[in-house]
Amino acid sequence: MVQLKESGEMYLETILVLHQERGFVRSIDVCERMGYSKPSVSRAVSLLREGGYLTVGKDGGLNLTEAGLEVAERTYERHTVLSELFVKLGVSGEQAVADACKIEHVISAETFDALKNWNRRL
């Protein structure tokens, strides 16, 4: 399994969210959601497929593998918990989401778990 960079995590998280919303996700859906060009998304999908994080069906549907789902769920949990925590602290919703999007990729598991547990007590 290839180590993912922030951009790979973002793609997997976006595919997960789109699957939750629509059930069926194509590359064009990812382009529209993320605001990236078709060639950029095509390249990312190819790298994620080669890395074992997703498969592409004959119908063009993007499906997360077990490894891809694990990364996507972890990234999305970090995003939602951090966003929620920042809003509780008085940060505007828009800024909370933007900051969570940056932090979710670099925060350690230990620190995230501590913040998540502390957030539950608020």
N, C-alpha and C. Protein backbone atom coordinates (compact mmCIF):
# COMPACT_ATOMS: atom_id res chain seq x y z
N MET A 1 0.84 -1.18 0.00
CA MET A 1 0.00 0.00 0.00
C MET A 1 0.89 1.25 0.00
N VAL A 2 0.64 2.14 -0.92
CA VAL A 2 1.39 3.39 -1.03
C VAL A 2 0.90 4.37 0.04
N GLN A 3 1.85 5.08 0.67
CA GLN A 3 1.49 6.10 1.67
C GLN A 3 0.81 7.27 0.96
N LEU A 4 -0.35 7.67 1.47
CA LEU A 4 -1.11 8.75 0.86
C LEU A 4 -0.64 10.11 1.33
N LYS A 5 -0.75 11.05 0.43
CA LYS A 5 -0.52 12.45 0.77
C LYS A 5 -1.88 13.08 1.08
N GLU A 6 -1.85 14.33 1.51
CA GLU A 6 -3.07 15.05 1.85
C GLU A 6 -4.08 15.02 0.71
N SER A 7 -3.63 15.22 -0.51
CA SER A 7 -4.55 15.27 -1.64
C SER A 7 -5.26 13.93 -1.84
N GLY A 8 -4.54 12.83 -1.64
CA GLY A 8 -5.16 11.52 -1.76
C GLY A 8 -6.23 11.31 -0.71
N GLU A 9 -5.95 11.75 0.51
CA GLU A 9 -6.95 11.65 1.58
C GLU A 9 -8.18 12.49 1.24
N MET A 10 -7.96 13.66 0.66
CA MET A 10 -9.08 14.54 0.29
C MET A 10 -9.96 13.87 -0.78
N TYR A 11 -9.34 13.26 -1.76
CA TYR A 11 -10.12 12.56 -2.80
C TYR A 11 -10.94 11.44 -2.18
N LEU A 12 -10.33 10.63 -1.34
CA LEU A 12 -11.05 9.52 -0.73
C LEU A 12 -12.19 10.01 0.15
N GLU A 13 -11.95 11.06 0.91
CA GLU A 13 -13.00 11.63 1.75
C GLU A 13 -14.15 12.15 0.89
N THR A 14 -13.83 12.82 -0.20
CA THR A 14 -14.86 13.34 -1.10
C THR A 14 -15.68 12.20 -1.71
N ILE A 15 -15.03 11.14 -2.13
CA ILE A 15 -15.74 9.99 -2.70
C ILE A 15 -16.66 9.38 -1.66
N LEU A 16 -16.19 9.25 -0.41
CA LEU A 16 -17.02 8.72 0.67
C LEU A 16 -18.27 9.57 0.86
N VAL A 17 -18.10 10.87 0.96
CA VAL A 17 -19.23 11.77 1.18
C VAL A 17 -20.21 11.71 0.00
N LEU A 18 -19.69 11.69 -1.21
CA LEU A 18 -20.56 11.59 -2.39
C LEU A 18 -21.32 10.27 -2.40
N HIS A 19 -20.66 9.18 -2.00
CA HIS A 19 -21.34 7.88 -1.90
C HIS A 19 -22.47 7.95 -0.89
N GLN A 20 -22.23 8.61 0.23
CA GLN A 20 -23.27 8.75 1.26
C GLN A 20 -24.45 9.56 0.73
N GLU A 21 -24.18 10.56 -0.07
CA GLU A 21 -25.23 11.43 -0.61
C GLU A 21 -25.97 10.82 -1.78
N ARG A 22 -25.24 10.14 -2.67
CA ARG A 22 -25.80 9.71 -3.95
C ARG A 22 -25.84 8.20 -4.17
N GLY A 23 -24.92 7.49 -3.54
CA GLY A 23 -24.86 6.05 -3.74
C GLY A 23 -23.99 5.64 -4.91
N PHE A 24 -23.89 6.47 -5.94
CA PHE A 24 -23.09 6.16 -7.12
C PHE A 24 -22.25 7.39 -7.43
N VAL A 25 -20.94 7.19 -7.58
CA VAL A 25 -20.03 8.31 -7.79
C VAL A 25 -19.18 8.07 -9.03
N ARG A 26 -19.11 9.09 -9.87
CA ARG A 26 -18.25 9.06 -11.05
C ARG A 26 -17.17 10.12 -10.90
N SER A 27 -16.17 10.05 -11.71
CA SER A 27 -15.08 11.04 -11.67
C SER A 27 -15.61 12.45 -11.85
N ILE A 28 -16.59 12.62 -12.73
CA ILE A 28 -17.14 13.96 -12.99
C ILE A 28 -17.78 14.53 -11.72
N ASP A 29 -18.36 13.67 -10.89
CA ASP A 29 -18.94 14.13 -9.62
C ASP A 29 -17.85 14.68 -8.70
N VAL A 30 -16.71 14.01 -8.70
CA VAL A 30 -15.57 14.44 -7.89
C VAL A 30 -15.04 15.77 -8.43
N CYS A 31 -14.97 15.90 -9.75
CA CYS A 31 -14.54 17.17 -10.37
C CYS A 31 -15.42 18.32 -9.90
N GLU A 32 -16.72 18.11 -9.97
CA GLU A 32 -17.66 19.16 -9.61
C GLU A 32 -17.58 19.51 -8.13
N ARG A 33 -17.46 18.51 -7.27
CA ARG A 33 -17.43 18.76 -5.83
C ARG A 33 -16.14 19.47 -5.40
N MET A 34 -15.02 19.01 -5.97
CA MET A 34 -13.73 19.54 -5.52
C MET A 34 -13.27 20.75 -6.33
N GLY A 35 -13.91 20.97 -7.48
CA GLY A 35 -13.52 22.10 -8.32
C GLY A 35 -12.24 21.86 -9.10
N TYR A 36 -11.91 20.60 -9.36
CA TYR A 36 -10.70 20.25 -10.09
C TYR A 36 -11.04 19.89 -11.52
N SER A 37 -10.03 19.96 -12.39
CA SER A 37 -10.23 19.61 -13.79
C SER A 37 -10.37 18.10 -13.97
N LYS A 38 -10.96 17.70 -15.09
CA LYS A 38 -11.10 16.27 -15.39
C LYS A 38 -9.75 15.57 -15.46
N PRO A 39 -8.73 16.15 -16.11
CA PRO A 39 -7.43 15.48 -16.14
C PRO A 39 -6.82 15.30 -14.74
N SER A 40 -6.98 16.29 -13.86
CA SER A 40 -6.44 16.17 -12.50
C SER A 40 -7.11 15.04 -11.75
N VAL A 41 -8.43 14.96 -11.84
CA VAL A 41 -9.17 13.91 -11.15
C VAL A 41 -8.85 12.55 -11.76
N SER A 42 -8.73 12.50 -13.06
CA SER A 42 -8.40 11.24 -13.74
C SER A 42 -7.05 10.72 -13.26
N ARG A 43 -6.08 11.60 -13.13
CA ARG A 43 -4.75 11.21 -12.66
C ARG A 43 -4.81 10.71 -11.22
N ALA A 44 -5.56 11.44 -10.38
CA ALA A 44 -5.68 11.04 -8.97
C ALA A 44 -6.38 9.69 -8.85
N VAL A 45 -7.43 9.49 -9.61
CA VAL A 45 -8.16 8.22 -9.58
C VAL A 45 -7.23 7.09 -10.00
N SER A 46 -6.43 7.33 -11.01
CA SER A 46 -5.49 6.31 -11.47
C SER A 46 -4.48 5.96 -10.37
N LEU A 47 -3.94 6.96 -9.71
CA LEU A 47 -2.98 6.72 -8.63
C LEU A 47 -3.63 6.00 -7.45
N LEU A 48 -4.85 6.40 -7.10
CA LEU A 48 -5.55 5.76 -5.99
C LEU A 48 -5.92 4.31 -6.33
N ARG A 49 -6.26 4.07 -7.58
CA ARG A 49 -6.55 2.70 -8.02
C ARG A 49 -5.29 1.84 -7.95
N GLU A 50 -4.18 2.38 -8.47
CA GLU A 50 -2.91 1.67 -8.43
C GLU A 50 -2.45 1.41 -7.00
N GLY A 51 -2.77 2.33 -6.10
CA GLY A 51 -2.38 2.19 -4.70
C GLY A 51 -3.27 1.25 -3.91
N GLY A 52 -4.35 0.77 -4.53
CA GLY A 52 -5.25 -0.16 -3.87
C GLY A 52 -6.32 0.49 -3.01
N TYR A 53 -6.57 1.78 -3.24
CA TYR A 53 -7.54 2.50 -2.43
C TYR A 53 -8.93 2.58 -3.05
N LEU A 54 -9.04 2.35 -4.36
CA LEU A 54 -10.35 2.35 -4.99
C LEU A 54 -10.33 1.51 -6.25
N THR A 55 -11.52 1.18 -6.68
CA THR A 55 -11.71 0.47 -7.94
C THR A 55 -12.64 1.30 -8.81
N VAL A 56 -12.55 1.07 -10.11
CA VAL A 56 -13.43 1.75 -11.05
C VAL A 56 -14.22 0.67 -11.79
N GLY A 57 -15.53 0.74 -11.66
CA GLY A 57 -16.38 -0.24 -12.31
C GLY A 57 -16.50 -0.02 -13.81
N LYS A 58 -17.03 -1.01 -14.51
CA LYS A 58 -17.23 -0.90 -15.95
C LYS A 58 -18.17 0.26 -16.30
N ASP A 59 -19.03 0.61 -15.34
CA ASP A 59 -19.97 1.72 -15.52
C ASP A 59 -19.36 3.07 -15.15
N GLY A 60 -18.06 3.06 -14.80
CA GLY A 60 -17.37 4.30 -14.43
C GLY A 60 -17.54 4.68 -12.97
N GLY A 61 -18.23 3.84 -12.21
CA GLY A 61 -18.44 4.13 -10.80
C GLY A 61 -17.18 3.94 -9.98
N LEU A 62 -16.94 4.88 -9.07
CA LEU A 62 -15.78 4.80 -8.18
C LEU A 62 -16.20 4.13 -6.88
N ASN A 63 -15.46 3.11 -6.49
CA ASN A 63 -15.76 2.37 -5.27
C ASN A 63 -14.53 2.26 -4.41
N LEU A 64 -14.66 2.62 -3.15
CA LEU A 64 -13.55 2.53 -2.22
C LEU A 64 -13.30 1.08 -1.84
N THR A 65 -12.03 0.71 -1.80
CA THR A 65 -11.65 -0.61 -1.30
C THR A 65 -11.71 -0.54 0.23
N GLU A 66 -11.43 -1.65 0.88
CA GLU A 66 -11.40 -1.66 2.34
C GLU A 66 -10.37 -0.64 2.86
N ALA A 67 -9.20 -0.62 2.23
CA ALA A 67 -8.15 0.32 2.63
C ALA A 67 -8.59 1.76 2.36
N GLY A 68 -9.21 2.00 1.23
CA GLY A 68 -9.68 3.34 0.89
C GLY A 68 -10.78 3.82 1.82
N LEU A 69 -11.67 2.90 2.16
CA LEU A 69 -12.76 3.25 3.09
C LEU A 69 -12.20 3.59 4.47
N GLU A 70 -11.20 2.85 4.91
CA GLU A 70 -10.59 3.11 6.21
C GLU A 70 -9.99 4.51 6.26
N VAL A 71 -9.25 4.89 5.23
CA VAL A 71 -8.63 6.23 5.18
C VAL A 71 -9.72 7.30 5.09
N ALA A 72 -10.71 7.08 4.23
CA ALA A 72 -11.77 8.07 4.03
C ALA A 72 -12.57 8.29 5.31
N GLU A 73 -12.91 7.22 6.00
CA GLU A 73 -13.68 7.35 7.24
C GLU A 73 -12.88 8.04 8.33
N ARG A 74 -11.60 7.71 8.43
CA ARG A 74 -10.74 8.35 9.43
C ARG A 74 -10.63 9.85 9.14
N THR A 75 -10.42 10.20 7.89
CA THR A 75 -10.27 11.60 7.51
C THR A 75 -11.58 12.36 7.73
N TYR A 76 -12.70 11.74 7.36
CA TYR A 76 -13.99 12.39 7.52
C TYR A 76 -14.35 12.57 9.00
N GLU A 77 -14.02 11.58 9.82
CA GLU A 77 -14.28 11.71 11.26
C GLU A 77 -13.48 12.88 11.82
N ARG A 78 -12.24 12.98 11.45
CA ARG A 78 -11.41 14.09 11.92
C ARG A 78 -12.02 15.42 11.49
N HIS A 79 -12.45 15.48 10.24
CA HIS A 79 -13.04 16.70 9.70
C HIS A 79 -14.29 17.10 10.50
N THR A 80 -15.17 16.16 10.73
CA THR A 80 -16.43 16.49 11.41
C THR A 80 -16.21 16.82 12.88
N VAL A 81 -15.38 16.06 13.56
CA VAL A 81 -15.13 16.33 14.99
C VAL A 81 -14.44 17.68 15.17
N LEU A 82 -13.41 17.95 14.36
CA LEU A 82 -12.70 19.21 14.49
C LEU A 82 -13.60 20.39 14.15
N SER A 83 -14.39 20.27 13.10
CA SER A 83 -15.32 21.35 12.72
C SER A 83 -16.28 21.63 13.86
N GLU A 84 -16.85 20.59 14.42
CA GLU A 84 -17.80 20.72 15.53
C GLU A 84 -17.14 21.38 16.73
N LEU A 85 -15.95 20.95 17.06
CA LEU A 85 -15.23 21.51 18.20
C LEU A 85 -14.96 23.00 17.98
N PHE A 86 -14.50 23.37 16.80
CA PHE A 86 -14.19 24.77 16.52
C PHE A 86 -15.44 25.64 16.62
N VAL A 87 -16.56 25.14 16.14
CA VAL A 87 -17.83 25.90 16.24
C VAL A 87 -18.20 26.08 17.71
N LYS A 88 -18.04 25.03 18.50
CA LYS A 88 -18.33 25.13 19.94
C LYS A 88 -17.45 26.18 20.62
N LEU A 89 -16.25 26.35 20.08
CA LEU A 89 -15.32 27.33 20.64
C LEU A 89 -15.61 28.76 20.16
N GLY A 90 -16.60 28.89 19.27
CA GLY A 90 -16.99 30.22 18.81
C GLY A 90 -16.51 30.60 17.43
N VAL A 91 -15.89 29.68 16.72
CA VAL A 91 -15.43 29.94 15.36
C VAL A 91 -16.63 29.84 14.42
N SER A 92 -16.71 30.69 13.41
CA SER A 92 -17.81 30.62 12.45
C SER A 92 -17.78 29.27 11.74
N GLY A 93 -18.94 28.82 11.29
CA GLY A 93 -19.03 27.53 10.63
C GLY A 93 -18.12 27.41 9.43
N GLU A 94 -18.10 28.45 8.61
CA GLU A 94 -17.28 28.42 7.40
C GLU A 94 -15.79 28.33 7.74
N GLN A 95 -15.36 29.12 8.72
CA GLN A 95 -13.95 29.09 9.11
C GLN A 95 -13.60 27.78 9.80
N ALA A 96 -14.52 27.25 10.60
CA ALA A 96 -14.29 25.99 11.29
C ALA A 96 -14.05 24.87 10.29
N VAL A 97 -14.85 24.82 9.25
CA VAL A 97 -14.70 23.79 8.22
C VAL A 97 -13.37 23.96 7.49
N ALA A 98 -13.03 25.20 7.14
CA ALA A 98 -11.77 25.46 6.42
C ALA A 98 -10.57 25.04 7.27
N ASP A 99 -10.59 25.39 8.55
CA ASP A 99 -9.47 25.04 9.42
C ASP A 99 -9.39 23.53 9.66
N ALA A 100 -10.54 22.90 9.87
CA ALA A 100 -10.57 21.46 10.08
C ALA A 100 -10.01 20.73 8.86
N CYS A 101 -10.31 21.25 7.68
CA CYS A 101 -9.85 20.64 6.43
C CYS A 101 -8.33 20.63 6.35
N LYS A 102 -7.69 21.64 6.92
CA LYS A 102 -6.23 21.70 6.91
C LYS A 102 -5.64 20.81 7.99
N ILE A 103 -6.22 20.86 9.17
CA ILE A 103 -5.66 20.17 10.34
C ILE A 103 -5.86 18.66 10.28
N GLU A 104 -6.96 18.22 9.68
CA GLU A 104 -7.30 16.79 9.68
C GLU A 104 -6.21 15.90 9.09
N HIS A 105 -5.34 16.47 8.28
CA HIS A 105 -4.32 15.68 7.60
C HIS A 105 -3.00 15.60 8.37
N VAL A 106 -2.82 16.48 9.34
CA VAL A 106 -1.52 16.54 10.02
C VAL A 106 -1.59 16.23 11.51
N ILE A 107 -2.77 16.23 12.08
CA ILE A 107 -2.91 16.00 13.51
C ILE A 107 -2.60 14.53 13.83
N SER A 108 -1.90 14.31 14.91
CA SER A 108 -1.57 12.93 15.30
C SER A 108 -2.81 12.22 15.82
N ALA A 109 -2.78 10.91 15.79
CA ALA A 109 -3.90 10.12 16.32
C ALA A 109 -4.07 10.38 17.81
N GLU A 110 -2.97 10.50 18.53
CA GLU A 110 -3.04 10.74 19.97
C GLU A 110 -3.73 12.06 20.28
N THR A 111 -3.32 13.12 19.59
CA THR A 111 -3.92 14.44 19.83
C THR A 111 -5.37 14.46 19.39
N PHE A 112 -5.67 13.86 18.25
CA PHE A 112 -7.05 13.83 17.79
C PHE A 112 -7.94 13.09 18.78
N ASP A 113 -7.49 11.94 19.25
CA ASP A 113 -8.29 11.17 20.21
C ASP A 113 -8.54 11.98 21.49
N ALA A 114 -7.52 12.71 21.95
CA ALA A 114 -7.69 13.55 23.15
C ALA A 114 -8.71 14.65 22.89
N LEU A 115 -8.64 15.30 21.74
CA LEU A 115 -9.61 16.35 21.39
C LEU A 115 -11.02 15.79 21.24
N LYS A 116 -11.11 14.62 20.63
CA LYS A 116 -12.42 13.98 20.44
C LYS A 116 -13.04 13.66 21.79
N ASN A 117 -12.27 13.11 22.70
CA ASN A 117 -12.78 12.78 24.03
C ASN A 117 -13.16 14.03 24.80
N TRP A 118 -12.36 15.08 24.70
CA TRP A 118 -12.65 16.34 25.38
C TRP A 118 -13.91 16.98 24.80
N ASN A 119 -14.06 16.91 23.48
CA ASN A 119 -15.22 17.48 22.79
C ASN A 119 -16.52 16.81 23.26
N ARG A 120 -16.46 15.51 23.51
CA ARG A 120 -17.66 14.77 23.97
C ARG A 120 -18.13 15.27 25.32
N ARG A 121 -17.19 15.77 26.12
CA ARG A 121 -17.54 16.23 27.48
C ARG A 121 -18.09 17.64 27.48
N LEU A 122 -17.92 18.38 26.40
CA LEU A 122 -18.41 19.77 26.33
C LEU A 122 -19.93 19.82 26.29
